[in-house]
Amino acid sequence: MSRLFQLNHIIMRKAIFTLCAALLMAAGTASAQSVDTDRFMDTFIENFNSDRPEFFNCHGTYNYRYFPNVPSLSEKGSDVMVMRIDPTTKAGAGRGPEIGTKKLTHFGTYTARIRVPDVKKVQPNIGAVVGYFTYRMDKTFGLSEIDFEWLIADPTLIYVGTWTGPNANQRVGRTIDLAKGKILYTIYRSDADGNRNHNITGIGNQPETITAIPDYDASKRFYTYGFDWHPDRLTWWLVHPTTNEKIILWDYQPESSALNGVEGFDGIPKSPTTYLLNYWHTNNWPVDTNPKSIEAPAYPYALEIDWMKYEPYVEESQTWITENNWQ
């Protein structure tokens, strides 16, 4: 066997070994980063284009509440899910129409295209909430809730925030008048001092200003909303309807791991949750701009949902689950 042949043989063997090692490593990485689909949702987009949602369960009575795959009432050429509120339903979250994923979700990007009901001229004092959110109470880690909310008496305001804690009483939140480009407040509170509001400053209060979208009204057209949930950071945003620019509403990073002196209260939910959207009557939470807005809905006003999407951060989720021995 010539020396040249031996050299070529050695080079080929090394190349084969390197390729096999790379393939094995890639396979191991893919395996380590795969979603546990027995318990968790994988990446999906729900277009509501069949008689029943593919990835969501509809809570409560189906008839007269949920209308998937119907022509939009406000956007020609779009088929959507319409939710209608029952005027006879009692006040309270979860008593109106509500959809939730069939399995759990965790860290990831959540996105939806929504138009809230347009009722301001018909019933200016209505007390009704549209919630785009996550929610699950964990027996060890407490509540895991992230919110977008609109009080439809004034759909120029956006409420974002979280609820956490073993008693679901730890709050961080921001309220924005996007039509005027004003941040009304950015606060935290807990029952450690009687649920008094405290202003969030510094790294937790970003951005400190927001440019107005002068014609913003969540009831006049569809908008795409989303949030990016990491173990140590939460960012709420929307897509500008004409420029397609991502507008950051709140890029929240905790200024402390013991807000209000409560150990473990940093405002970031940690445990797996459920991905939801609901629509309900409130008789005790008026919108900031109208203290009279707590009336029961007079008619079955329509909420429209074009689509909802979820993209998990698998590695971050698996790391947290392993480190915290979550079951």
C-alpha atoms as a PDB file:
ATOM      1  CA  MET A   1       0.000   0.000   0.000  1.00  0.00           C
ATOM      2  CA  SER A   2       1.551   3.353  -1.044  1.00  0.00           C
ATOM      3  CA  ARG A   3       2.054   6.154   1.451  1.00  0.00           C
ATOM      4  CA  LEU A   4      -0.231   8.382  -0.636  1.00  0.00           C
ATOM      5  CA  PHE A   5      -2.996   5.762  -0.494  1.00  0.00           C
ATOM      6  CA  GLN A   6      -2.535   5.390   3.285  1.00  0.00           C
ATOM      7  CA  LEU A   7      -2.718   9.165   3.737  1.00  0.00           C
ATOM      8  CA  ASN A   8      -5.892   9.429   1.663  1.00  0.00           C
ATOM      9  CA  HIS A   9      -7.398   6.524   3.604  1.00  0.00           C
ATOM     10  CA  ILE A  10      -6.675   8.209   6.929  1.00  0.00           C
ATOM     11  CA  ILE A  11      -8.137  11.516   5.742  1.00  0.00           C
ATOM     12  CA  MET A  12     -11.290   9.765   4.523  1.00  0.00           C
ATOM     13  CA  ARG A  13     -11.721   7.911   7.828  1.00  0.00           C
ATOM     14  CA  LYS A  14     -11.363  11.169   9.774  1.00  0.00           C
ATOM     15  CA  ALA A  15     -13.904  12.863   7.521  1.00  0.00           C
ATOM     16  CA  ILE A  16     -16.383  10.015   7.998  1.00  0.00           C
ATOM     17  CA  PHE A  17     -15.830  10.068  11.773  1.00  0.00           C
ATOM     18  CA  THR A  18     -16.349  13.844  11.911  1.00  0.00           C
ATOM     19  CA  LEU A  19     -19.539  13.589   9.835  1.00  0.00           C
ATOM     20  CA  CYS A  20     -20.945  10.807  12.029  1.00  0.00           C
ATOM     21  CA  ALA A  21     -20.125  12.746  15.186  1.00  0.00           C
ATOM     22  CA  ALA A  22     -21.832  15.832  13.804  1.00  0.00           C
ATOM     23  CA  LEU A  23     -24.919  13.833  12.857  1.00  0.00           C
ATOM     24  CA  LEU A  24     -25.086  12.237  16.290  1.00  0.00           C
ATOM     25  CA  MET A  25     -24.709  15.605  17.977  1.00  0.00           C
ATOM     26  CA  ALA A  26     -27.424  17.118  15.791  1.00  0.00           C
ATOM     27  CA  ALA A  27     -29.713  14.211  16.536  1.00  0.00           C
ATOM     28  CA  GLY A  28     -29.065  14.593  20.241  1.00  0.00           C
ATOM     29  CA  THR A  29     -29.721  18.312  20.092  1.00  0.00           C
ATOM     30  CA  ALA A  30     -32.945  17.831  18.137  1.00  0.00           C
ATOM     31  CA  SER A  31     -34.064  15.217  20.648  1.00  0.00           C
ATOM     32  CA  ALA A  32     -33.174  17.450  23.599  1.00  0.00           C
ATOM     33  CA  GLN A  33     -35.083  20.349  22.074  1.00  0.00           C
ATOM     34  CA  SER A  34     -38.194  18.511  20.948  1.00  0.00           C
ATOM     35  CA  VAL A  35     -41.552  19.413  22.467  1.00  0.00           C
ATOM     36  CA  ASP A  36     -43.201  16.976  24.888  1.00  0.00           C
ATOM     37  CA  THR A  37     -46.348  16.819  22.799  1.00  0.00           C
ATOM     38  CA  ASP A  38     -48.132  14.613  25.327  1.00  0.00           C
ATOM     39  CA  ARG A  39     -48.390  17.644  27.617  1.00  0.00           C
ATOM     40  CA  PHE A  40     -47.429  20.711  25.583  1.00  0.00           C
ATOM     41  CA  MET A  41     -48.532  22.461  22.428  1.00  0.00           C
ATOM     42  CA  ASP A  42     -45.988  22.502  19.611  1.00  0.00           C
ATOM     43  CA  THR A  43     -45.728  25.439  17.214  1.00  0.00           C
ATOM     44  CA  PHE A  44     -49.146  26.145  15.691  1.00  0.00           C
ATOM     45  CA  ILE A  45     -51.328  28.723  14.008  1.00  0.00           C
ATOM     46  CA  GLU A  46     -55.081  28.542  14.508  1.00  0.00           C
ATOM     47  CA  ASN A  47     -56.939  30.014  11.542  1.00  0.00           C
ATOM     48  CA  PHE A  48     -60.439  29.087  12.759  1.00  0.00           C
ATOM     49  CA  ASN A  49     -61.228  27.774   9.285  1.00  0.00           C
ATOM     50  CA  SER A  50     -63.321  24.754  10.270  1.00  0.00           C
ATOM     51  CA  ASP A  51     -66.472  24.066  12.253  1.00  0.00           C
ATOM     52  CA  ARG A  52     -64.446  23.734  15.464  1.00  0.00           C
ATOM     53  CA  PRO A  53     -61.053  25.180  16.404  1.00  0.00           C
ATOM     54  CA  GLU A  54     -58.198  22.731  15.841  1.00  0.00           C
ATOM     55  CA  PHE A  55     -55.976  23.712  18.780  1.00  0.00           C
ATOM     56  CA  PHE A  56     -58.439  25.257  21.250  1.00  0.00           C
ATOM     57  CA  ASN A  57     -61.326  24.070  23.374  1.00  0.00           C
ATOM     58  CA  CYS A  58     -64.396  26.287  23.611  1.00  0.00           C
ATOM     59  CA  HIS A  59     -65.570  26.707  27.193  1.00  0.00           C
ATOM     60  CA  GLY A  60     -69.224  26.846  28.135  1.00  0.00           C
ATOM     61  CA  THR A  61     -72.232  26.554  25.864  1.00  0.00           C
ATOM     62  CA  TYR A  62     -71.127  26.443  22.230  1.00  0.00           C
ATOM     63  CA  ASN A  63     -74.291  27.646  20.533  1.00  0.00           C
ATOM     64  CA  TYR A  64     -74.826  31.405  20.372  1.00  0.00           C
ATOM     65  CA  ARG A  65     -71.262  32.081  21.607  1.00  0.00           C
ATOM     66  CA  TYR A  66     -68.808  30.730  19.027  1.00  0.00           C
ATOM     67  CA  PHE A  67     -68.959  31.139  15.276  1.00  0.00           C
ATOM     68  CA  PRO A  68     -65.747  29.933  13.579  1.00  0.00           C
ATOM     69  CA  ASN A  69     -65.062  30.135   9.859  1.00  0.00           C
ATOM     70  CA  VAL A  70     -67.548  32.907   9.120  1.00  0.00           C
ATOM     71  CA  PRO A  71     -67.071  36.040   6.983  1.00  0.00           C
ATOM     72  CA  SER A  72     -65.683  38.981   8.924  1.00  0.00           C
ATOM     73  CA  LEU A  73     -68.191  41.672   9.817  1.00  0.00           C
ATOM     74  CA  SER A  74     -65.589  44.395   9.240  1.00  0.00           C
ATOM     75  CA  GLU A  75     -62.962  43.158   6.766  1.00  0.00           C
ATOM     76  CA  LYS A  76     -64.055  42.004   3.346  1.00  0.00           C
ATOM     77  CA  GLY A  77     -62.484  38.742   2.210  1.00  0.00           C
ATOM     78  CA  SER A  78     -61.485  37.483   5.678  1.00  0.00           C
ATOM     79  CA  ASP A  79     -63.024  34.486   7.420  1.00  0.00           C
ATOM     80  CA  VAL A  80     -62.774  34.666  11.204  1.00  0.00           C
ATOM     81  CA  MET A  81     -63.961  33.352  14.539  1.00  0.00           C
ATOM     82  CA  VAL A  82     -66.758  35.504  15.947  1.00  0.00           C
ATOM     83  CA  MET A  83     -67.516  35.426  19.664  1.00  0.00           C
ATOM     84  CA  ARG A  84     -70.754  36.921  20.949  1.00  0.00           C
ATOM     85  CA  ILE A  85     -71.430  37.871  24.540  1.00  0.00           C
ATOM     86  CA  ASP A  86     -74.762  36.870  26.086  1.00  0.00           C
ATOM     87  CA  PRO A  87     -76.408  39.942  27.662  1.00  0.00           C
ATOM     88  CA  THR A  88     -78.010  37.721  30.305  1.00  0.00           C
ATOM     89  CA  THR A  89     -74.690  36.253  31.511  1.00  0.00           C
ATOM     90  CA  LYS A  90     -73.607  37.271  35.006  1.00  0.00           C
ATOM     91  CA  ALA A  91     -70.544  39.421  35.523  1.00  0.00           C
ATOM     92  CA  GLY A  92     -67.173  37.769  36.007  1.00  0.00           C
ATOM     93  CA  ALA A  93     -64.113  36.543  34.164  1.00  0.00           C
ATOM     94  CA  GLY A  94     -64.708  33.211  32.444  1.00  0.00           C
ATOM     95  CA  ARG A  95     -68.491  33.544  32.390  1.00  0.00           C
ATOM     96  CA  GLY A  96     -68.549  34.745  28.808  1.00  0.00           C
ATOM     97  CA  PRO A  97     -67.132  32.978  25.757  1.00  0.00           C
ATOM     98  CA  GLU A  98     -63.597  31.696  26.265  1.00  0.00           C
ATOM     99  CA  ILE A  99     -61.193  29.501  24.304  1.00  0.00           C
ATOM    100  CA  GLY A 100     -58.099  27.782  25.696  1.00  0.00           C
ATOM    101  CA  THR A 101     -55.442  25.501  24.239  1.00  0.00           C
ATOM    102  CA  LYS A 102     -55.955  21.768  24.490  1.00  0.00           C
ATOM    103  CA  LYS A 103     -52.501  21.341  26.054  1.00  0.00           C
ATOM    104  CA  LEU A 104     -50.087  23.495  28.034  1.00  0.00           C
ATOM    105  CA  THR A 105     -47.850  26.255  26.719  1.00  0.00           C
ATOM    106  CA  HIS A 106     -44.730  27.857  28.211  1.00  0.00           C
ATOM    107  CA  PHE A 107     -41.977  30.303  27.252  1.00  0.00           C
ATOM    108  CA  GLY A 108     -42.420  31.457  23.670  1.00  0.00           C
ATOM    109  CA  THR A 109     -43.851  34.007  21.268  1.00  0.00           C
ATOM    110  CA  TYR A 110     -47.624  34.417  21.299  1.00  0.00           C
ATOM    111  CA  THR A 111     -49.372  36.328  18.511  1.00  0.00           C
ATOM    112  CA  ALA A 112     -52.966  37.055  17.486  1.00  0.00           C
ATOM    113  CA  ARG A 113     -54.891  39.225  15.045  1.00  0.00           C
ATOM    114  CA  ILE A 114     -57.994  40.626  16.755  1.00  0.00           C
ATOM    115  CA  ARG A 115     -60.702  43.278  16.396  1.00  0.00           C
ATOM    116  CA  VAL A 116     -62.571  44.074  19.619  1.00  0.00           C
ATOM    117  CA  PRO A 117     -66.292  44.995  19.557  1.00  0.00           C
ATOM    118  CA  ASP A 118     -67.156  48.488  18.329  1.00  0.00           C
ATOM    119  CA  VAL A 119     -69.856  49.635  20.799  1.00  0.00           C
ATOM    120  CA  LYS A 120     -68.748  53.042  22.082  1.00  0.00           C
ATOM    121  CA  LYS A 121     -71.475  54.978  20.261  1.00  0.00           C
ATOM    122  CA  VAL A 122     -74.200  52.412  20.948  1.00  0.00           C
ATOM    123  CA  GLN A 123     -73.434  51.801  24.636  1.00  0.00           C
ATOM    124  CA  PRO A 124     -70.703  54.134  25.960  1.00  0.00           C
ATOM    125  CA  ASN A 125     -70.963  52.864  29.549  1.00  0.00           C
ATOM    126  CA  ILE A 126     -70.636  49.173  28.768  1.00  0.00           C
ATOM    127  CA  GLY A 127     -68.661  47.096  31.221  1.00  0.00           C
ATOM    128  CA  ALA A 128     -67.003  44.423  29.094  1.00  0.00           C
ATOM    129  CA  VAL A 129     -63.498  43.034  28.760  1.00  0.00           C
ATOM    130  CA  VAL A 130     -61.641  41.302  25.956  1.00  0.00           C
ATOM    131  CA  GLY A 131     -58.729  39.294  27.321  1.00  0.00           C
ATOM    132  CA  TYR A 132     -55.890  37.824  25.281  1.00  0.00           C
ATOM    133  CA  PHE A 133     -53.795  35.985  27.843  1.00  0.00           C
ATOM    134  CA  THR A 134     -52.289  32.957  29.527  1.00  0.00           C
ATOM    135  CA  TYR A 135     -53.552  31.483  32.793  1.00  0.00           C
ATOM    136  CA  ARG A 136     -52.834  28.522  35.039  1.00  0.00           C
ATOM    137  CA  MET A 137     -52.535  28.101  38.785  1.00  0.00           C
ATOM    138  CA  ASP A 138     -49.674  25.775  39.749  1.00  0.00           C
ATOM    139  CA  LYS A 139     -49.770  24.165  43.197  1.00  0.00           C
ATOM    140  CA  THR A 140     -46.050  24.816  43.713  1.00  0.00           C
ATOM    141  CA  PHE A 141     -45.239  27.921  41.671  1.00  0.00           C
ATOM    142  CA  GLY A 142     -48.515  29.797  41.931  1.00  0.00           C
ATOM    143  CA  LEU A 143     -50.295  31.680  39.188  1.00  0.00           C
ATOM    144  CA  SER A 144     -48.865  31.996  35.679  1.00  0.00           C
ATOM    145  CA  GLU A 145     -50.840  34.751  33.923  1.00  0.00           C
ATOM    146  CA  ILE A 146     -49.808  37.169  31.155  1.00  0.00           C
ATOM    147  CA  ASP A 147     -52.393  39.637  29.839  1.00  0.00           C
ATOM    148  CA  PHE A 148     -53.437  41.866  27.007  1.00  0.00           C
ATOM    149  CA  GLU A 149     -56.811  43.405  27.933  1.00  0.00           C
ATOM    150  CA  TRP A 150     -59.213  45.936  26.473  1.00  0.00           C
ATOM    151  CA  LEU A 151     -62.145  47.504  28.296  1.00  0.00           C
ATOM    152  CA  ILE A 152     -64.293  48.077  25.245  1.00  0.00           C
ATOM    153  CA  ALA A 153     -65.908  51.262  26.549  1.00  0.00           C
ATOM    154  CA  ASP A 154     -62.625  52.904  25.456  1.00  0.00           C
ATOM    155  CA  PRO A 155     -60.720  50.725  22.961  1.00  0.00           C
ATOM    156  CA  THR A 156     -57.943  53.315  22.553  1.00  0.00           C
ATOM    157  CA  LEU A 157     -56.453  52.041  25.844  1.00  0.00           C
ATOM    158  CA  ILE A 158     -54.409  48.847  26.160  1.00  0.00           C
ATOM    159  CA  TYR A 159     -53.820  47.079  29.487  1.00  0.00           C
ATOM    160  CA  VAL A 160     -50.818  44.713  29.690  1.00  0.00           C
ATOM    161  CA  GLY A 161     -49.265  42.926  32.643  1.00  0.00           C
ATOM    162  CA  THR A 162     -48.962  39.765  34.695  1.00  0.00           C
ATOM    163  CA  TRP A 163     -50.406  38.134  37.780  1.00  0.00           C
ATOM    164  CA  THR A 164     -48.254  35.756  39.799  1.00  0.00           C
ATOM    165  CA  GLY A 165     -47.877  34.342  43.308  1.00  0.00           C
ATOM    166  CA  PRO A 166     -49.348  31.490  45.335  1.00  0.00           C
ATOM    167  CA  ASN A 167     -52.445  33.577  46.100  1.00  0.00           C
ATOM    168  CA  ALA A 168     -52.641  35.221  42.656  1.00  0.00           C
ATOM    169  CA  ASN A 169     -52.086  38.628  44.273  1.00  0.00           C
ATOM    170  CA  GLN A 170     -48.790  39.820  42.776  1.00  0.00           C
ATOM    171  CA  ARG A 171     -49.279  42.283  39.921  1.00  0.00           C
ATOM    172  CA  VAL A 172     -47.092  44.169  37.483  1.00  0.00           C
ATOM    173  CA  GLY A 173     -48.901  46.204  34.859  1.00  0.00           C
ATOM    174  CA  ARG A 174     -48.859  49.038  32.360  1.00  0.00           C
ATOM    175  CA  THR A 175     -51.765  50.970  30.845  1.00  0.00           C
ATOM    176  CA  ILE A 176     -51.254  52.776  27.546  1.00  0.00           C
ATOM    177  CA  ASP A 177     -53.296  55.320  25.622  1.00  0.00           C
ATOM    178  CA  LEU A 178     -51.832  54.449  22.245  1.00  0.00           C
ATOM    179  CA  ALA A 179     -53.937  56.946  20.302  1.00  0.00           C
ATOM    180  CA  LYS A 180     -52.295  59.752  22.290  1.00  0.00           C
ATOM    181  CA  GLY A 181     -48.921  58.091  22.832  1.00  0.00           C
ATOM    182  CA  LYS A 182     -49.263  58.256  26.621  1.00  0.00           C
ATOM    183  CA  ILE A 183     -48.238  55.698  29.246  1.00  0.00           C
ATOM    184  CA  LEU A 184     -50.788  56.237  32.003  1.00  0.00           C
ATOM    185  CA  TYR A 185     -48.885  54.193  34.588  1.00  0.00           C
ATOM    186  CA  THR A 186     -46.444  51.306  35.061  1.00  0.00           C
ATOM    187  CA  ILE A 187     -46.831  49.742  38.475  1.00  0.00           C
ATOM    188  CA  TYR A 188     -46.384  46.751  40.771  1.00  0.00           C
ATOM    189  CA  ARG A 189     -48.371  45.751  43.823  1.00  0.00           C
ATOM    190  CA  SER A 190     -49.088  42.869  46.190  1.00  0.00           C
ATOM    191  CA  ASP A 191     -51.023  42.283  49.396  1.00  0.00           C
ATOM    192  CA  ALA A 192     -47.814  42.753  51.414  1.00  0.00           C
ATOM    193  CA  ASP A 193     -48.908  46.362  51.976  1.00  0.00           C
ATOM    194  CA  GLY A 194     -52.591  46.244  51.147  1.00  0.00           C
ATOM    195  CA  ASN A 195     -52.210  46.200  47.359  1.00  0.00           C
ATOM    196  CA  ARG A 196     -50.918  49.763  47.112  1.00  0.00           C
ATOM    197  CA  ASN A 197     -49.543  50.688  43.689  1.00  0.00           C
ATOM    198  CA  HIS A 198     -45.831  51.426  43.376  1.00  0.00           C
ATOM    199  CA  ASN A 199     -44.263  52.938  40.261  1.00  0.00           C
ATOM    200  CA  ILE A 200     -41.816  50.797  38.333  1.00  0.00           C
ATOM    201  CA  THR A 201     -38.684  52.667  37.302  1.00  0.00           C
ATOM    202  CA  GLY A 202     -35.390  51.973  35.574  1.00  0.00           C
ATOM    203  CA  ILE A 203     -34.935  48.754  33.626  1.00  0.00           C
ATOM    204  CA  GLY A 204     -38.509  47.646  34.303  1.00  0.00           C
ATOM    205  CA  ASN A 205     -39.999  50.787  32.806  1.00  0.00           C
ATOM    206  CA  GLN A 206     -38.930  50.473  29.181  1.00  0.00           C
ATOM    207  CA  PRO A 207     -39.697  52.117  26.888  1.00  0.00           C
ATOM    208  CA  GLU A 208     -40.348  55.225  28.971  1.00  0.00           C
ATOM    209  CA  THR A 209     -42.240  56.883  26.112  1.00  0.00           C
ATOM    210  CA  ILE A 210     -44.361  55.585  23.221  1.00  0.00           C
ATOM    211  CA  THR A 211     -45.043  57.218  19.897  1.00  0.00           C
ATOM    212  CA  ALA A 212     -48.748  57.660  19.246  1.00  0.00           C
ATOM    213  CA  ILE A 213     -50.650  55.842  16.546  1.00  0.00           C
ATOM    214  CA  PRO A 214     -53.136  58.736  16.172  1.00  0.00           C
ATOM    215  CA  ASP A 215     -56.016  56.692  14.797  1.00  0.00           C
ATOM    216  CA  TYR A 216     -55.467  53.674  17.064  1.00  0.00           C
ATOM    217  CA  ASP A 217     -58.777  52.150  18.119  1.00  0.00           C
ATOM    218  CA  ALA A 218     -58.845  48.397  18.730  1.00  0.00           C
ATOM    219  CA  SER A 219     -62.480  48.273  17.611  1.00  0.00           C
ATOM    220  CA  LYS A 220     -62.091  50.005  14.235  1.00  0.00           C
ATOM    221  CA  ARG A 221     -59.842  47.458  12.509  1.00  0.00           C
ATOM    222  CA  PHE A 222     -57.826  44.307  13.077  1.00  0.00           C
ATOM    223  CA  TYR A 223     -54.465  44.659  14.790  1.00  0.00           C
ATOM    224  CA  THR A 224     -51.763  42.043  15.351  1.00  0.00           C
ATOM    225  CA  TYR A 225     -50.707  41.805  18.993  1.00  0.00           C
ATOM    226  CA  GLY A 226     -48.039  39.650  20.587  1.00  0.00           C
ATOM    227  CA  PHE A 227     -45.760  39.007  23.519  1.00  0.00           C
ATOM    228  CA  ASP A 228     -42.387  37.317  23.885  1.00  0.00           C
ATOM    229  CA  TRP A 229     -42.114  35.415  27.171  1.00  0.00           C
ATOM    230  CA  HIS A 230     -38.684  34.497  28.533  1.00  0.00           C
ATOM    231  CA  PRO A 231     -37.799  33.369  32.085  1.00  0.00           C
ATOM    232  CA  ASP A 232     -36.309  36.793  32.857  1.00  0.00           C
ATOM    233  CA  ARG A 233     -38.001  39.136  30.383  1.00  0.00           C
ATOM    234  CA  LEU A 234     -41.433  39.862  28.909  1.00  0.00           C
ATOM    235  CA  THR A 235     -42.087  42.064  25.899  1.00  0.00           C
ATOM    236  CA  TRP A 236     -45.561  43.134  24.753  1.00  0.00           C
ATOM    237  CA  TRP A 237     -45.910  44.577  21.248  1.00  0.00           C
ATOM    238  CA  LEU A 238     -48.166  45.206  18.292  1.00  0.00           C
ATOM    239  CA  VAL A 239     -47.621  45.528  14.565  1.00  0.00           C
ATOM    240  CA  HIS A 240     -48.204  48.978  13.099  1.00  0.00           C
ATOM    241  CA  PRO A 241     -51.090  48.557  10.619  1.00  0.00           C
ATOM    242  CA  THR A 242     -49.521  50.581   7.808  1.00  0.00           C
ATOM    243  CA  THR A 243     -45.726  50.355   8.283  1.00  0.00           C
ATOM    244  CA  ASN A 244     -45.660  46.765   9.679  1.00  0.00           C
ATOM    245  CA  GLU A 245     -43.162  48.009  12.270  1.00  0.00           C
ATOM    246  CA  LYS A 246     -43.156  46.154  15.589  1.00  0.00           C
ATOM    247  CA  ILE A 247     -44.180  48.738  18.215  1.00  0.00           C
ATOM    248  CA  ILE A 248     -42.885  47.835  21.676  1.00  0.00           C
ATOM    249  CA  LEU A 249     -45.533  48.537  24.298  1.00  0.00           C
ATOM    250  CA  TRP A 250     -43.551  47.307  27.286  1.00  0.00           C
ATOM    251  CA  ASP A 251     -40.174  45.575  27.457  1.00  0.00           C
ATOM    252  CA  TYR A 252     -40.267  44.449  31.064  1.00  0.00           C
ATOM    253  CA  GLN A 253     -37.225  43.198  32.964  1.00  0.00           C
ATOM    254  CA  PRO A 254     -37.455  42.883  36.756  1.00  0.00           C
ATOM    255  CA  GLU A 255     -35.642  45.479  38.832  1.00  0.00           C
ATOM    256  CA  SER A 256     -35.734  43.094  41.790  1.00  0.00           C
ATOM    257  CA  SER A 257     -36.426  39.452  42.636  1.00  0.00           C
ATOM    258  CA  ALA A 258     -38.285  40.643  45.730  1.00  0.00           C
ATOM    259  CA  LEU A 259     -40.639  43.414  44.645  1.00  0.00           C
ATOM    260  CA  ASN A 260     -42.520  44.950  47.563  1.00  0.00           C
ATOM    261  CA  GLY A 261     -40.239  42.954  49.852  1.00  0.00           C
ATOM    262  CA  VAL A 262     -41.862  39.685  48.759  1.00  0.00           C
ATOM    263  CA  GLU A 263     -39.203  37.066  48.042  1.00  0.00           C
ATOM    264  CA  GLY A 264     -39.648  35.534  44.595  1.00  0.00           C
ATOM    265  CA  PHE A 265     -41.916  38.329  43.328  1.00  0.00           C
ATOM    266  CA  ASP A 266     -40.274  39.631  40.147  1.00  0.00           C
ATOM    267  CA  GLY A 267     -43.365  39.888  37.962  1.00  0.00           C
ATOM    268  CA  ILE A 268     -42.362  37.182  35.467  1.00  0.00           C
ATOM    269  CA  PRO A 269     -44.541  34.041  35.438  1.00  0.00           C
ATOM    270  CA  LYS A 270     -42.371  30.932  35.445  1.00  0.00           C
ATOM    271  CA  SER A 271     -44.478  27.781  35.265  1.00  0.00           C
ATOM    272  CA  PRO A 272     -46.337  26.269  32.273  1.00  0.00           C
ATOM    273  CA  THR A 273     -49.734  27.698  31.539  1.00  0.00           C
ATOM    274  CA  THR A 274     -52.688  27.686  29.141  1.00  0.00           C
ATOM    275  CA  TYR A 275     -53.129  30.032  26.173  1.00  0.00           C
ATOM    276  CA  LEU A 276     -56.549  31.715  26.109  1.00  0.00           C
ATOM    277  CA  LEU A 277     -58.813  34.417  24.756  1.00  0.00           C
ATOM    278  CA  ASN A 278     -62.060  35.494  26.391  1.00  0.00           C
ATOM    279  CA  TYR A 279     -64.806  38.100  26.424  1.00  0.00           C
ATOM    280  CA  TRP A 280     -66.826  38.898  29.547  1.00  0.00           C
ATOM    281  CA  HIS A 281     -68.934  41.396  31.474  1.00  0.00           C
ATOM    282  CA  THR A 282     -67.406  43.314  34.376  1.00  0.00           C
ATOM    283  CA  ASN A 283     -69.520  45.255  36.875  1.00  0.00           C
ATOM    284  CA  ASN A 284     -66.629  46.524  39.007  1.00  0.00           C
ATOM    285  CA  TRP A 285     -63.732  47.417  36.668  1.00  0.00           C
ATOM    286  CA  PRO A 286     -64.467  50.586  34.689  1.00  0.00           C
ATOM    287  CA  VAL A 287     -62.046  51.800  32.027  1.00  0.00           C
ATOM    288  CA  ASP A 288     -59.706  54.554  33.274  1.00  0.00           C
ATOM    289  CA  THR A 289     -61.344  57.200  31.081  1.00  0.00           C
ATOM    290  CA  ASN A 290     -64.960  56.462  32.111  1.00  0.00           C
ATOM    291  CA  PRO A 291     -65.839  55.543  35.715  1.00  0.00           C
ATOM    292  CA  LYS A 292     -69.437  54.776  34.703  1.00  0.00           C
ATOM    293  CA  SER A 293     -68.483  51.934  32.322  1.00  0.00           C
ATOM    294  CA  ILE A 294     -69.812  48.946  34.255  1.00  0.00           C
ATOM    295  CA  GLU A 295     -73.173  48.363  32.542  1.00  0.00           C
ATOM    296  CA  ALA A 296     -74.175  44.898  31.417  1.00  0.00           C
ATOM    297  CA  PRO A 297     -74.019  44.459  27.623  1.00  0.00           C
ATOM    298  CA  ALA A 298     -77.324  45.418  26.023  1.00  0.00           C
ATOM    299  CA  TYR A 299     -76.784  43.267  22.912  1.00  0.00           C
ATOM    300  CA  PRO A 300     -74.688  40.244  21.876  1.00  0.00           C
ATOM    301  CA  TYR A 301     -71.861  42.388  20.505  1.00  0.00           C
ATOM    302  CA  ALA A 302     -69.328  40.626  18.274  1.00  0.00           C
ATOM    303  CA  LEU A 303     -65.606  40.088  18.913  1.00  0.00           C
ATOM    304  CA  GLU A 304     -63.601  38.964  15.841  1.00  0.00           C
ATOM    305  CA  ILE A 305     -60.455  36.802  15.897  1.00  0.00           C
ATOM    306  CA  ASP A 306     -58.634  36.237  12.613  1.00  0.00           C
ATOM    307  CA  TRP A 307     -55.924  33.893  13.913  1.00  0.00           C
ATOM    308  CA  MET A 308     -53.831  32.943  16.950  1.00  0.00           C
ATOM    309  CA  LYS A 309     -50.266  31.643  16.901  1.00  0.00           C
ATOM    310  CA  TYR A 310     -47.765  30.072  19.316  1.00  0.00           C
ATOM    311  CA  GLU A 311     -44.015  29.473  18.869  1.00  0.00           C
ATOM    312  CA  PRO A 312     -42.374  27.794  21.900  1.00  0.00           C
ATOM    313  CA  TYR A 313     -38.867  28.497  23.192  1.00  0.00           C
ATOM    314  CA  VAL A 314     -38.183  24.822  23.702  1.00  0.00           C
ATOM    315  CA  GLU A 315     -34.662  25.011  25.138  1.00  0.00           C
ATOM    316  CA  GLU A 316     -35.583  27.685  27.694  1.00  0.00           C
ATOM    317  CA  SER A 317     -38.658  25.736  28.714  1.00  0.00           C
ATOM    318  CA  GLN A 318     -36.841  22.423  29.105  1.00  0.00           C
ATOM    319  CA  THR A 319     -34.055  24.069  31.096  1.00  0.00           C
ATOM    320  CA  TRP A 320     -36.554  25.598  33.523  1.00  0.00           C
ATOM    321  CA  ILE A 321     -38.559  22.380  33.867  1.00  0.00           C
ATOM    322  CA  THR A 322     -35.406  20.351  34.585  1.00  0.00           C
ATOM    323  CA  GLU A 323     -33.889  22.838  37.020  1.00  0.00           C
ATOM    324  CA  ASN A 324     -37.141  23.191  38.961  1.00  0.00           C
ATOM    325  CA  ASN A 325     -38.155  19.518  38.803  1.00  0.00           C
ATOM    326  CA  TRP A 326     -41.564  20.557  37.489  1.00  0.00           C
ATOM    327  CA  GLN A 327     -44.030  17.710  37.103  1.00  0.00           C
END
